[in-house]
Amino acid sequence: MGRRKKKRMVESAPCAVFYKPQGIPMRDLESLVLSVEGLEALRLVDGERMQQVVAADRMGVSRPTLSRILGEARNTVATALFEGKAIRVDGGEYLLSSEPCCKRKRKRRCQMTDEMPDEMPVEMPDQGAPHGKTGPFDAEDHNTGE
């Protein structure tokens, strides 16, 4: 009998739990499961560019455990992208954090509640691109799944 898994700390519930390729009906798609802690590891390390040792501390796991979680999450996302599969965010051993981010980071004040200065420019999408898309590839023009 193995050791019980330690629950990982996750800052907040995912804002979306399902991602799929555009233009392919759900009935034709296979989906892969990305754990909630895998999504959190991706957010911290790849999204916020945090060092793994800091991200591991934030999630309450060792650095090797974070590295394993991150590797599995990256593999799931890469497989879904290259093989045209959907991603369902579900499951895992995690706890939603009850403390605000500033308490866990031992900050004096929460940086998440600071307002943006009035002089900060706001980036707007290219007005010529459909639906705010700015890249050279528009997936709507290349649908082959319907």
N, C-alpha and C. Protein backbone atom coordinates (compact mmCIF):
# COMPACT_ATOMS: atom_id res chain seq x y z
N MET A 1 0.85 -1.17 0.00
CA MET A 1 0.00 0.00 0.00
C MET A 1 0.89 1.24 0.00
N GLY A 2 0.63 2.15 -0.90
CA GLY A 2 1.44 3.35 -1.04
C GLY A 2 1.01 4.47 -0.11
N ARG A 3 1.80 5.49 -0.12
CA ARG A 3 1.53 6.68 0.67
C ARG A 3 0.36 7.46 0.11
N ARG A 4 -0.40 8.14 0.97
CA ARG A 4 -1.48 8.99 0.49
C ARG A 4 -0.89 10.19 -0.22
N LYS A 5 -1.52 10.60 -1.32
CA LYS A 5 -1.05 11.78 -2.05
C LYS A 5 -1.35 13.03 -1.26
N LYS A 6 -0.39 13.93 -1.22
CA LYS A 6 -0.57 15.21 -0.57
C LYS A 6 -1.37 16.10 -1.51
N LYS A 7 -2.38 16.77 -1.00
CA LYS A 7 -3.19 17.64 -1.85
C LYS A 7 -2.41 18.90 -2.20
N ARG A 8 -2.52 19.30 -3.46
CA ARG A 8 -1.81 20.47 -3.96
C ARG A 8 -2.66 21.72 -3.78
N MET A 9 -2.03 22.84 -3.48
CA MET A 9 -2.74 24.11 -3.33
C MET A 9 -2.95 24.74 -4.71
N VAL A 10 -4.17 25.14 -4.99
CA VAL A 10 -4.54 25.81 -6.24
C VAL A 10 -5.18 27.13 -5.86
N GLU A 11 -4.74 28.22 -6.50
CA GLU A 11 -5.23 29.56 -6.12
C GLU A 11 -6.72 29.74 -6.35
N SER A 12 -7.21 29.30 -7.50
CA SER A 12 -8.63 29.47 -7.77
C SER A 12 -9.08 28.40 -8.75
N ALA A 13 -10.38 28.17 -8.78
CA ALA A 13 -10.93 27.19 -9.71
C ALA A 13 -10.70 27.67 -11.14
N PRO A 14 -10.52 26.75 -12.08
CA PRO A 14 -10.31 27.15 -13.48
C PRO A 14 -11.50 27.95 -14.01
N CYS A 15 -11.23 28.96 -14.84
CA CYS A 15 -12.32 29.77 -15.38
C CYS A 15 -13.04 29.04 -16.51
N ALA A 16 -12.38 28.08 -17.14
CA ALA A 16 -13.00 27.26 -18.18
C ALA A 16 -12.52 25.83 -17.95
N VAL A 17 -13.39 24.87 -18.21
CA VAL A 17 -13.02 23.48 -17.95
C VAL A 17 -13.00 22.62 -19.21
N PHE A 18 -13.24 23.22 -20.36
CA PHE A 18 -13.22 22.44 -21.59
C PHE A 18 -12.69 23.28 -22.74
N TYR A 19 -11.78 22.72 -23.50
CA TYR A 19 -11.21 23.38 -24.67
C TYR A 19 -11.27 22.40 -25.82
N LYS A 20 -11.64 22.90 -27.00
CA LYS A 20 -11.73 22.01 -28.15
C LYS A 20 -11.29 22.73 -29.41
N PRO A 21 -10.83 21.96 -30.40
CA PRO A 21 -10.48 22.59 -31.67
C PRO A 21 -11.72 23.19 -32.32
N GLN A 22 -11.55 24.35 -32.91
CA GLN A 22 -12.67 25.02 -33.56
C GLN A 22 -13.05 24.29 -34.85
N GLY A 23 -14.33 24.20 -35.10
CA GLY A 23 -14.81 23.65 -36.36
C GLY A 23 -14.97 22.14 -36.39
N ILE A 24 -14.66 21.46 -35.33
CA ILE A 24 -14.82 20.01 -35.28
C ILE A 24 -15.93 19.70 -34.28
N PRO A 25 -17.00 19.03 -34.71
CA PRO A 25 -18.09 18.72 -33.78
C PRO A 25 -17.61 17.83 -32.63
N MET A 26 -18.19 18.02 -31.46
CA MET A 26 -17.81 17.25 -30.28
C MET A 26 -17.94 15.74 -30.49
N ARG A 27 -18.94 15.33 -31.24
CA ARG A 27 -19.14 13.89 -31.44
C ARG A 27 -17.97 13.25 -32.18
N ASP A 28 -17.19 14.06 -32.90
CA ASP A 28 -16.05 13.54 -33.65
C ASP A 28 -14.73 13.68 -32.90
N LEU A 29 -14.78 14.20 -31.68
CA LEU A 29 -13.55 14.48 -30.93
C LEU A 29 -13.30 13.49 -29.81
N GLU A 30 -12.05 13.16 -29.64
CA GLU A 30 -11.60 12.44 -28.45
C GLU A 30 -11.10 13.52 -27.49
N SER A 31 -11.30 13.33 -26.19
CA SER A 31 -10.82 14.35 -25.25
C SER A 31 -9.79 13.75 -24.30
N LEU A 32 -8.87 14.59 -23.86
CA LEU A 32 -7.86 14.23 -22.88
C LEU A 32 -8.16 14.97 -21.59
N VAL A 33 -7.79 14.40 -20.46
CA VAL A 33 -8.03 15.04 -19.16
C VAL A 33 -6.75 15.71 -18.67
N LEU A 34 -6.87 16.99 -18.33
CA LEU A 34 -5.79 17.76 -17.72
C LEU A 34 -6.22 18.00 -16.27
N SER A 35 -5.41 17.56 -15.32
CA SER A 35 -5.79 17.73 -13.91
C SER A 35 -5.76 19.21 -13.53
N VAL A 36 -6.52 19.56 -12.51
CA VAL A 36 -6.58 20.94 -12.04
C VAL A 36 -5.20 21.38 -11.56
N GLU A 37 -4.47 20.50 -10.85
CA GLU A 37 -3.13 20.90 -10.41
C GLU A 37 -2.16 21.00 -11.58
N GLY A 38 -2.40 20.24 -12.65
CA GLY A 38 -1.60 20.38 -13.86
C GLY A 38 -1.80 21.74 -14.51
N LEU A 39 -3.05 22.19 -14.55
CA LEU A 39 -3.35 23.52 -15.09
C LEU A 39 -2.72 24.60 -14.22
N GLU A 40 -2.76 24.42 -12.90
CA GLU A 40 -2.15 25.39 -11.98
C GLU A 40 -0.64 25.44 -12.18
N ALA A 41 0.00 24.29 -12.37
CA ALA A 41 1.44 24.26 -12.61
C ALA A 41 1.78 24.98 -13.91
N LEU A 42 0.99 24.75 -14.95
CA LEU A 42 1.20 25.46 -16.23
C LEU A 42 1.04 26.96 -16.04
N ARG A 43 0.02 27.36 -15.29
CA ARG A 43 -0.23 28.79 -15.07
C ARG A 43 0.94 29.45 -14.36
N LEU A 44 1.43 28.80 -13.30
CA LEU A 44 2.50 29.40 -12.51
C LEU A 44 3.83 29.43 -13.27
N VAL A 45 4.23 28.29 -13.84
CA VAL A 45 5.56 28.20 -14.46
C VAL A 45 5.59 28.80 -15.86
N ASP A 46 4.63 28.45 -16.69
CA ASP A 46 4.64 28.94 -18.07
C ASP A 46 3.91 30.27 -18.21
N GLY A 47 2.80 30.43 -17.52
CA GLY A 47 2.02 31.66 -17.64
C GLY A 47 2.61 32.83 -16.88
N GLU A 48 3.00 32.60 -15.62
CA GLU A 48 3.56 33.67 -14.80
C GLU A 48 5.08 33.68 -14.81
N ARG A 49 5.70 32.75 -15.55
CA ARG A 49 7.16 32.66 -15.69
C ARG A 49 7.86 32.54 -14.32
N MET A 50 7.25 31.80 -13.44
CA MET A 50 7.76 31.61 -12.09
C MET A 50 8.79 30.47 -12.10
N GLN A 51 9.83 30.59 -11.30
CA GLN A 51 10.79 29.50 -11.17
C GLN A 51 10.09 28.31 -10.53
N GLN A 52 10.52 27.10 -10.92
CA GLN A 52 9.85 25.90 -10.43
C GLN A 52 9.91 25.76 -8.92
N VAL A 53 11.01 26.15 -8.31
CA VAL A 53 11.13 26.01 -6.86
C VAL A 53 10.13 26.92 -6.15
N VAL A 54 9.88 28.11 -6.69
CA VAL A 54 8.91 29.05 -6.12
C VAL A 54 7.49 28.53 -6.35
N ALA A 55 7.23 28.04 -7.57
CA ALA A 55 5.91 27.50 -7.89
C ALA A 55 5.59 26.27 -7.03
N ALA A 56 6.59 25.43 -6.81
CA ALA A 56 6.40 24.24 -5.97
C ALA A 56 6.03 24.65 -4.55
N ASP A 57 6.71 25.65 -4.03
CA ASP A 57 6.41 26.15 -2.69
C ASP A 57 4.99 26.69 -2.62
N ARG A 58 4.59 27.41 -3.65
CA ARG A 58 3.25 28.00 -3.71
C ARG A 58 2.17 26.91 -3.74
N MET A 59 2.46 25.79 -4.42
CA MET A 59 1.49 24.70 -4.51
C MET A 59 1.61 23.72 -3.33
N GLY A 60 2.63 23.89 -2.50
CA GLY A 60 2.79 23.02 -1.35
C GLY A 60 3.32 21.64 -1.68
N VAL A 61 4.16 21.54 -2.73
CA VAL A 61 4.75 20.26 -3.12
C VAL A 61 6.25 20.44 -3.28
N SER A 62 6.96 19.33 -3.44
CA SER A 62 8.40 19.40 -3.67
C SER A 62 8.66 19.81 -5.12
N ARG A 63 9.87 20.26 -5.40
CA ARG A 63 10.20 20.65 -6.76
C ARG A 63 10.14 19.46 -7.72
N PRO A 64 10.63 18.26 -7.34
CA PRO A 64 10.49 17.11 -8.25
C PRO A 64 9.02 16.76 -8.54
N THR A 65 8.16 16.90 -7.53
CA THR A 65 6.73 16.63 -7.75
C THR A 65 6.15 17.64 -8.72
N LEU A 66 6.49 18.91 -8.55
CA LEU A 66 6.01 19.94 -9.48
C LEU A 66 6.50 19.64 -10.89
N SER A 67 7.75 19.24 -11.01
CA SER A 67 8.32 18.93 -12.32
C SER A 67 7.56 17.79 -12.99
N ARG A 68 7.18 16.78 -12.22
CA ARG A 68 6.40 15.66 -12.76
C ARG A 68 5.01 16.12 -13.19
N ILE A 69 4.34 16.90 -12.34
CA ILE A 69 3.00 17.42 -12.66
C ILE A 69 3.07 18.27 -13.92
N LEU A 70 4.08 19.13 -14.00
CA LEU A 70 4.25 20.02 -15.15
C LEU A 70 4.52 19.23 -16.43
N GLY A 71 5.36 18.21 -16.34
CA GLY A 71 5.65 17.37 -17.51
C GLY A 71 4.41 16.67 -18.04
N GLU A 72 3.61 16.13 -17.13
CA GLU A 72 2.37 15.46 -17.54
C GLU A 72 1.40 16.45 -18.17
N ALA A 73 1.30 17.65 -17.60
CA ALA A 73 0.38 18.67 -18.13
C ALA A 73 0.83 19.14 -19.51
N ARG A 74 2.13 19.39 -19.67
CA ARG A 74 2.65 19.82 -20.98
C ARG A 74 2.44 18.74 -22.02
N ASN A 75 2.63 17.47 -21.64
CA ASN A 75 2.41 16.37 -22.57
C ASN A 75 0.95 16.29 -23.00
N THR A 76 0.03 16.47 -22.05
CA THR A 76 -1.40 16.44 -22.36
C THR A 76 -1.77 17.55 -23.33
N VAL A 77 -1.31 18.77 -23.06
CA VAL A 77 -1.63 19.91 -23.92
C VAL A 77 -1.01 19.73 -25.30
N ALA A 78 0.25 19.31 -25.37
CA ALA A 78 0.91 19.12 -26.67
C ALA A 78 0.22 18.04 -27.48
N THR A 79 -0.14 16.93 -26.85
CA THR A 79 -0.84 15.85 -27.55
C THR A 79 -2.17 16.35 -28.11
N ALA A 80 -2.91 17.09 -27.30
CA ALA A 80 -4.21 17.61 -27.75
C ALA A 80 -4.03 18.56 -28.93
N LEU A 81 -3.04 19.43 -28.87
CA LEU A 81 -2.82 20.38 -29.96
C LEU A 81 -2.40 19.69 -31.25
N PHE A 82 -1.45 18.76 -31.16
CA PHE A 82 -0.93 18.13 -32.37
C PHE A 82 -1.85 17.07 -32.95
N GLU A 83 -2.67 16.46 -32.11
CA GLU A 83 -3.56 15.41 -32.60
C GLU A 83 -5.00 15.88 -32.73
N GLY A 84 -5.26 17.16 -32.50
CA GLY A 84 -6.60 17.71 -32.66
C GLY A 84 -7.62 17.15 -31.69
N LYS A 85 -7.24 17.01 -30.43
CA LYS A 85 -8.14 16.47 -29.41
C LYS A 85 -8.61 17.59 -28.49
N ALA A 86 -9.71 17.35 -27.80
CA ALA A 86 -10.22 18.32 -26.82
C ALA A 86 -9.51 18.10 -25.49
N ILE A 87 -9.54 19.14 -24.64
CA ILE A 87 -8.96 19.05 -23.30
C ILE A 87 -10.06 19.33 -22.29
N ARG A 88 -10.21 18.40 -21.33
CA ARG A 88 -11.16 18.59 -20.23
C ARG A 88 -10.37 18.75 -18.95
N VAL A 89 -10.54 19.88 -18.26
CA VAL A 89 -9.85 20.12 -16.99
C VAL A 89 -10.72 19.51 -15.89
N ASP A 90 -10.17 18.49 -15.23
CA ASP A 90 -10.97 17.77 -14.25
C ASP A 90 -10.08 16.94 -13.34
N GLY A 91 -10.50 16.80 -12.11
CA GLY A 91 -9.88 15.86 -11.19
C GLY A 91 -8.54 16.29 -10.64
N GLY A 92 -7.93 15.37 -9.93
CA GLY A 92 -6.65 15.61 -9.31
C GLY A 92 -6.79 15.71 -7.80
N GLU A 93 -5.67 15.80 -7.14
CA GLU A 93 -5.62 15.92 -5.68
C GLU A 93 -5.26 17.36 -5.35
N TYR A 94 -6.25 18.20 -5.09
CA TYR A 94 -5.96 19.61 -4.84
C TYR A 94 -6.92 20.21 -3.83
N LEU A 95 -6.51 21.33 -3.27
CA LEU A 95 -7.34 22.14 -2.39
C LEU A 95 -7.32 23.56 -2.91
N LEU A 96 -8.48 24.21 -2.94
CA LEU A 96 -8.51 25.62 -3.31
C LEU A 96 -8.00 26.42 -2.12
N SER A 97 -7.12 27.35 -2.39
CA SER A 97 -6.51 28.15 -1.33
C SER A 97 -7.55 29.05 -0.69
N SER A 98 -7.54 29.09 0.63
CA SER A 98 -8.48 29.95 1.34
C SER A 98 -7.86 31.30 1.69
N GLU A 99 -6.54 31.40 1.59
CA GLU A 99 -5.87 32.65 1.90
C GLU A 99 -5.69 33.47 0.64
N PRO A 100 -5.79 34.80 0.74
CA PRO A 100 -5.49 35.63 -0.42
C PRO A 100 -4.02 35.46 -0.80
N CYS A 101 -3.73 35.73 -2.06
CA CYS A 101 -2.37 35.52 -2.56
C CYS A 101 -1.32 36.27 -1.76
N CYS A 102 -1.64 37.44 -1.24
CA CYS A 102 -0.65 38.23 -0.51
C CYS A 102 -0.25 37.55 0.80
N LYS A 103 -1.15 36.79 1.43
CA LYS A 103 -0.82 36.12 2.68
C LYS A 103 0.11 34.94 2.42
N ARG A 104 -0.14 34.19 1.35
CA ARG A 104 0.70 33.05 1.04
C ARG A 104 2.10 33.49 0.64
N LYS A 105 2.21 34.65 -0.01
CA LYS A 105 3.51 35.15 -0.46
C LYS A 105 4.18 36.01 0.60
N ARG A 106 3.53 36.18 1.75
CA ARG A 106 4.04 37.00 2.85
C ARG A 106 4.29 38.45 2.42
N LYS A 107 3.37 39.00 1.66
CA LYS A 107 3.45 40.40 1.23
C LYS A 107 2.68 41.26 2.21
N ARG A 108 3.05 42.53 2.31
CA ARG A 108 2.35 43.44 3.22
C ARG A 108 0.99 43.84 2.67
N ARG A 109 0.89 43.96 1.36
CA ARG A 109 -0.40 44.32 0.78
C ARG A 109 -0.62 43.48 -0.47
N CYS A 110 -1.85 43.25 -0.80
CA CYS A 110 -2.17 42.40 -1.95
C CYS A 110 -1.97 43.18 -3.23
N GLN A 111 -1.13 42.67 -4.09
CA GLN A 111 -0.88 43.33 -5.37
C GLN A 111 -2.04 43.10 -6.35
N MET A 112 -2.86 42.10 -6.10
CA MET A 112 -3.96 41.79 -7.01
C MET A 112 -5.07 42.82 -6.91
N THR A 113 -5.15 43.57 -5.80
CA THR A 113 -6.24 44.54 -5.64
C THR A 113 -5.82 45.95 -6.01
N ASP A 114 -4.53 46.15 -6.29
CA ASP A 114 -4.09 47.48 -6.69
C ASP A 114 -4.72 47.86 -8.02
N GLU A 115 -5.15 49.09 -8.15
CA GLU A 115 -5.75 49.54 -9.40
C GLU A 115 -4.66 49.92 -10.39
N MET A 116 -4.99 49.81 -11.67
CA MET A 116 -4.06 50.23 -12.70
C MET A 116 -3.99 51.75 -12.71
N PRO A 117 -2.80 52.32 -12.89
CA PRO A 117 -2.71 53.77 -13.00
C PRO A 117 -3.46 54.25 -14.23
N ASP A 118 -3.99 55.49 -14.15
CA ASP A 118 -4.77 56.04 -15.26
C ASP A 118 -3.95 56.18 -16.54
N GLU A 119 -2.64 56.39 -16.41
CA GLU A 119 -1.84 56.63 -17.61
C GLU A 119 -1.39 55.36 -18.32
N MET A 120 -1.77 54.18 -17.79
CA MET A 120 -1.38 52.93 -18.43
C MET A 120 -2.15 52.75 -19.73
N PRO A 121 -1.45 52.52 -20.86
CA PRO A 121 -2.16 52.29 -22.11
C PRO A 121 -2.81 50.91 -22.10
N VAL A 122 -3.95 50.79 -22.73
CA VAL A 122 -4.65 49.52 -22.84
C VAL A 122 -4.49 49.04 -24.27
N GLU A 123 -3.99 47.81 -24.44
CA GLU A 123 -3.80 47.29 -25.79
C GLU A 123 -5.15 46.91 -26.38
N MET A 124 -5.36 47.31 -27.60
CA MET A 124 -6.59 46.98 -28.31
C MET A 124 -6.24 46.03 -29.44
N PRO A 125 -7.12 45.08 -29.78
CA PRO A 125 -6.84 44.19 -30.90
C PRO A 125 -6.84 44.97 -32.21
N ASP A 126 -6.12 44.44 -33.18
CA ASP A 126 -6.05 45.04 -34.51
C ASP A 126 -7.47 45.15 -35.06
N GLN A 127 -7.87 46.36 -35.41
CA GLN A 127 -9.25 46.60 -35.86
C GLN A 127 -9.56 45.90 -37.18
N GLY A 128 -8.54 45.61 -37.99
CA GLY A 128 -8.78 44.97 -39.28
C GLY A 128 -8.95 43.47 -39.18
N ALA A 129 -8.56 42.87 -38.08
CA ALA A 129 -8.62 41.43 -37.94
C ALA A 129 -10.01 41.01 -37.46
N PRO A 130 -10.56 39.91 -38.02
CA PRO A 130 -11.88 39.45 -37.58
C PRO A 130 -11.82 38.96 -36.14
N HIS A 131 -12.82 39.31 -35.33
CA HIS A 131 -12.95 38.86 -33.95
C HIS A 131 -11.72 39.18 -33.11
N GLY A 132 -11.00 40.26 -33.44
CA GLY A 132 -9.85 40.66 -32.66
C GLY A 132 -8.61 39.81 -32.89
N LYS A 133 -8.62 38.95 -33.93
CA LYS A 133 -7.46 38.10 -34.20
C LYS A 133 -6.37 38.94 -34.85
N THR A 134 -5.15 38.73 -34.42
CA THR A 134 -4.05 39.51 -34.97
C THR A 134 -3.03 38.63 -35.67
N GLY A 135 -3.16 37.33 -35.59
CA GLY A 135 -2.18 36.43 -36.20
C GLY A 135 -2.45 36.23 -37.69
N PRO A 136 -1.48 35.63 -38.40
CA PRO A 136 -1.62 35.44 -39.84
C PRO A 136 -2.58 34.31 -40.19
N PHE A 137 -2.91 33.44 -39.23
CA PHE A 137 -3.74 32.28 -39.51
C PHE A 137 -5.11 32.46 -38.90
N ASP A 138 -6.13 32.34 -39.68
CA ASP A 138 -7.51 32.43 -39.19
C ASP A 138 -8.13 31.05 -39.36
N ALA A 139 -8.33 30.36 -38.25
CA ALA A 139 -8.82 28.98 -38.28
C ALA A 139 -10.17 28.86 -38.96
N GLU A 140 -10.99 29.91 -38.92
CA GLU A 140 -12.32 29.82 -39.53
C GLU A 140 -12.22 29.63 -41.05
N ASP A 141 -11.13 30.11 -41.65
CA ASP A 141 -10.96 29.98 -43.09
C ASP A 141 -10.46 28.59 -43.48
N HIS A 142 -10.03 27.79 -42.51
CA HIS A 142 -9.40 26.52 -42.81
C HIS A 142 -10.11 25.35 -42.16
N ASN A 143 -11.40 25.45 -41.91
CA ASN A 143 -12.14 24.35 -41.29
C ASN A 143 -12.22 23.18 -42.24
N THR A 144 -11.87 22.02 -41.73
CA THR A 144 -12.00 20.81 -42.53
C THR A 144 -12.82 19.76 -41.80
N GLY A 145 -13.22 20.06 -40.56
CA GLY A 145 -13.90 19.07 -39.75
C GLY A 145 -15.40 19.04 -39.89
N GLU A 146 -16.01 19.93 -40.65
CA GLU A 146 -17.48 19.92 -40.74
C GLU A 146 -17.93 19.49 -42.11
